[in-house]
């Protein structure tokens, strides 16, 4: 998740002007939310895949140790 958040912040810094004292436009705010959501979803998918395969590996090792007895 942290990497995704870092990437989102870097993208926002590179593509959206944040220095002005003006109030942010609705379009820019929606774009920021979309970017953050996109990177968060990618991060969650990576976490899900890691947990899924770790669980499979754990189940596989448990089955092999049970069948050896």
C-alpha atoms as a PDB file:
ATOM      1  CA  UNK A   1       0.000   0.000   0.000  1.00  0.00           C
ATOM      2  CA  UNK A   2       2.792   2.411   0.851  1.00  0.00           C
ATOM      3  CA  UNK A   3       4.385   2.022  -2.567  1.00  0.00           C
ATOM      4  CA  UNK A   4       1.051   2.696  -4.248  1.00  0.00           C
ATOM      5  CA  UNK A   5       0.515   5.811  -2.164  1.00  0.00           C
ATOM      6  CA  UNK A   6       4.034   7.021  -2.983  1.00  0.00           C
ATOM      7  CA  UNK A   7       3.438   6.472  -6.701  1.00  0.00           C
ATOM      8  CA  UNK A   8       0.143   8.339  -6.523  1.00  0.00           C
ATOM      9  CA  UNK A   9       1.767  11.303  -4.763  1.00  0.00           C
ATOM     10  CA  UNK A  10       4.585  11.413  -7.314  1.00  0.00           C
ATOM     11  CA  UNK A  11       2.099  11.308 -10.199  1.00  0.00           C
ATOM     12  CA  UNK A  12       0.026  14.087  -8.642  1.00  0.00           C
ATOM     13  CA  UNK A  13       3.105  16.261  -8.037  1.00  0.00           C
ATOM     14  CA  UNK A  14       4.186  15.796 -11.648  1.00  0.00           C
ATOM     15  CA  UNK A  15       0.811  16.428 -13.293  1.00  0.00           C
ATOM     16  CA  UNK A  16      -1.252  18.729 -11.074  1.00  0.00           C
ATOM     17  CA  UNK A  17      -0.210  22.206  -9.928  1.00  0.00           C
ATOM     18  CA  UNK A  18      -0.430  22.325  -6.145  1.00  0.00           C
ATOM     19  CA  UNK A  19       1.530  25.536  -5.533  1.00  0.00           C
ATOM     20  CA  UNK A  20      -1.221  28.054  -6.188  1.00  0.00           C
ATOM     21  CA  UNK A  21      -3.222  29.592  -3.351  1.00  0.00           C
ATOM     22  CA  UNK A  22      -6.430  29.069  -5.312  1.00  0.00           C
ATOM     23  CA  UNK A  23      -9.002  26.552  -4.249  1.00  0.00           C
ATOM     24  CA  UNK A  24      -8.612  23.258  -6.069  1.00  0.00           C
ATOM     25  CA  UNK A  25     -11.007  22.680  -8.926  1.00  0.00           C
ATOM     26  CA  UNK A  26     -13.559  19.904  -8.751  1.00  0.00           C
ATOM     27  CA  UNK A  27     -12.016  18.304 -11.837  1.00  0.00           C
ATOM     28  CA  UNK A  28      -8.555  18.223 -10.227  1.00  0.00           C
ATOM     29  CA  UNK A  29     -10.008  16.827  -7.002  1.00  0.00           C
ATOM     30  CA  UNK A  30     -11.793  14.062  -8.897  1.00  0.00           C
ATOM     31  CA  UNK A  31      -8.599  13.290 -10.800  1.00  0.00           C
ATOM     32  CA  UNK A  32      -6.636  12.997  -7.517  1.00  0.00           C
ATOM     33  CA  UNK A  33      -9.262  10.643  -6.072  1.00  0.00           C
ATOM     34  CA  UNK A  34      -9.208   8.524  -9.231  1.00  0.00           C
ATOM     35  CA  UNK A  35      -5.413   8.282  -9.165  1.00  0.00           C
ATOM     36  CA  UNK A  36      -5.315   7.337  -5.477  1.00  0.00           C
ATOM     37  CA  UNK A  37      -8.063   4.755  -5.978  1.00  0.00           C
ATOM     38  CA  UNK A  38      -6.242   3.219  -8.931  1.00  0.00           C
ATOM     39  CA  UNK A  39      -2.968   2.838  -7.041  1.00  0.00           C
ATOM     40  CA  UNK A  40      -4.733   1.576  -3.904  1.00  0.00           C
ATOM     41  CA  UNK A  41      -6.528  -1.089  -5.910  1.00  0.00           C
ATOM     42  CA  UNK A  42      -3.248  -2.230  -7.469  1.00  0.00           C
ATOM     43  CA  UNK A  43      -1.689  -2.428  -4.016  1.00  0.00           C
ATOM     44  CA  UNK A  44      -4.608  -4.413  -2.613  1.00  0.00           C
ATOM     45  CA  UNK A  45      -4.433  -6.828  -5.544  1.00  0.00           C
ATOM     46  CA  UNK A  46      -0.733  -7.422  -4.857  1.00  0.00           C
ATOM     47  CA  UNK A  47      -1.444  -8.062  -1.170  1.00  0.00           C
ATOM     48  CA  UNK A  48      -4.286 -10.445  -2.047  1.00  0.00           C
ATOM     49  CA  UNK A  49      -2.091 -12.411  -4.457  1.00  0.00           C
ATOM     50  CA  UNK A  50       0.709 -12.667  -1.883  1.00  0.00           C
ATOM     51  CA  UNK A  51      -1.649 -13.874   0.868  1.00  0.00           C
ATOM     52  CA  UNK A  52      -3.394 -16.281  -1.506  1.00  0.00           C
ATOM     53  CA  UNK A  53      -0.194 -17.981  -2.624  1.00  0.00           C
ATOM     54  CA  UNK A  54       1.240 -18.006   0.900  1.00  0.00           C
ATOM     55  CA  UNK A  55      -1.916 -19.803   2.036  1.00  0.00           C
ATOM     56  CA  UNK A  56      -1.643 -22.296  -0.819  1.00  0.00           C
ATOM     57  CA  UNK A  57       1.981 -22.976   0.053  1.00  0.00           C
ATOM     58  CA  UNK A  58       1.081 -23.446   3.701  1.00  0.00           C
ATOM     59  CA  UNK A  59      -1.752 -25.850   2.846  1.00  0.00           C
ATOM     60  CA  UNK A  60       0.496 -27.749   0.463  1.00  0.00           C
ATOM     61  CA  UNK A  61       3.197 -28.211   3.084  1.00  0.00           C
ATOM     62  CA  UNK A  62       0.603 -29.274   5.674  1.00  0.00           C
ATOM     63  CA  UNK A  63      -0.867 -31.876   3.313  1.00  0.00           C
ATOM     64  CA  UNK A  64       2.539 -33.285   2.442  1.00  0.00           C
ATOM     65  CA  UNK A  65       3.495 -33.595   6.122  1.00  0.00           C
ATOM     66  CA  UNK A  66       0.163 -35.290   6.920  1.00  0.00           C
ATOM     67  CA  UNK A  67       0.508 -37.796   4.089  1.00  0.00           C
ATOM     68  CA  UNK A  68       4.049 -38.693   5.194  1.00  0.00           C
ATOM     69  CA  UNK A  69       2.791 -40.000   8.538  1.00  0.00           C
END
